[in-house]
Amino acid sequence: MAFGQEIGALKDHINVVDKDLNLIRNKGRMTFLETPGENFSRIIHDYSDQRKGFIVWKSALEERLF
């Protein structure tokens, strides 16, 4: 892939993120969460046990990243 194509792809990804952020700003977080886009997954954080909840959340996040 040529350098110019990489820049174009980066701009496309930035535009997608900007679109999502505008949706959140204009219609709220719940609207965004109710209509997840491509490559979207939500990780629920359990606040009942602060230490264990974080460990479970972090583990779920790492699974999706790697």
Protein backbone atom coordinates (compact mmCIF):
# COMPACT_ATOMS: atom_id res chain seq x y z
CA MET A 1 0.00 0.00 0.00
CA ALA A 2 1.37 3.39 -0.93
CA PHE A 3 1.87 6.07 1.70
CA GLY A 4 -0.95 8.19 0.22
CA GLN A 5 -3.38 5.30 0.53
CA GLU A 6 -2.45 4.85 4.20
CA ILE A 7 -3.17 8.53 4.85
CA GLY A 8 -6.51 8.18 3.09
CA ALA A 9 -7.43 5.15 5.19
CA LEU A 10 -6.41 7.00 8.36
CA LYS A 11 -8.61 9.94 7.40
CA ASP A 12 -11.52 7.56 6.79
CA HIS A 13 -11.10 6.01 10.24
CA ILE A 14 -10.88 9.44 11.87
CA ASN A 15 -14.09 10.46 10.10
CA VAL A 16 -15.88 7.37 11.45
CA VAL A 17 -14.74 8.19 15.00
CA ASP A 18 -15.77 11.82 14.55
CA LYS A 19 -19.20 10.72 13.33
CA ASP A 20 -19.64 8.50 16.39
CA LEU A 21 -18.55 11.29 18.75
CA ASN A 22 -21.01 13.70 17.12
CA LEU A 23 -23.81 11.16 17.58
CA ILE A 24 -22.94 10.89 21.26
CA ARG A 25 -22.78 14.68 21.65
CA ASN A 26 -26.03 15.33 19.79
CA LYS A 27 -28.24 12.38 20.76
CA GLY A 28 -26.58 10.95 23.84
CA ARG A 29 -24.61 7.93 24.84
CA MET A 30 -27.61 5.61 25.06
CA THR A 31 -28.54 6.26 21.41
CA PHE A 32 -24.99 5.32 20.42
CA LEU A 33 -25.07 2.17 22.55
CA GLU A 34 -28.45 1.10 21.14
CA THR A 35 -27.17 1.26 17.55
CA PRO A 36 -23.67 -0.24 17.68
CA GLY A 37 -21.67 0.01 14.51
CA GLU A 38 -19.30 -2.38 12.84
CA ASN A 39 -16.52 -3.74 15.08
CA PHE A 40 -18.26 -2.49 18.23
CA SER A 41 -18.55 -4.42 21.45
CA ARG A 42 -19.47 -3.19 24.88
CA ILE A 43 -17.77 -4.30 28.05
CA ILE A 44 -19.95 -4.03 31.14
CA HIS A 45 -18.17 -3.03 34.34
CA ASP A 46 -19.60 -4.49 37.55
CA TYR A 47 -19.34 -1.84 40.27
CA SER A 48 -20.58 -4.07 43.11
CA ASP A 49 -17.04 -5.21 43.99
CA GLN A 50 -14.62 -2.45 42.98
CA ARG A 51 -11.45 -4.58 42.86
CA LYS A 52 -12.94 -7.69 41.28
CA GLY A 53 -15.06 -5.64 38.87
CA PHE A 54 -11.98 -3.92 37.50
CA ILE A 55 -10.09 -7.19 37.09
CA VAL A 56 -12.99 -8.75 35.16
CA TRP A 57 -13.38 -5.60 33.02
CA LYS A 58 -9.65 -5.46 32.26
CA SER A 59 -9.57 -9.14 31.34
CA ALA A 60 -12.53 -8.73 28.96
CA LEU A 61 -10.87 -5.69 27.37
CA GLU A 62 -7.60 -7.55 26.86
CA GLU A 63 -9.46 -10.47 25.22
CA ARG A 64 -10.93 -8.10 22.63
CA LEU A 65 -7.65 -6.30 21.99
CA PHE A 66 -5.48 -9.37 21.44
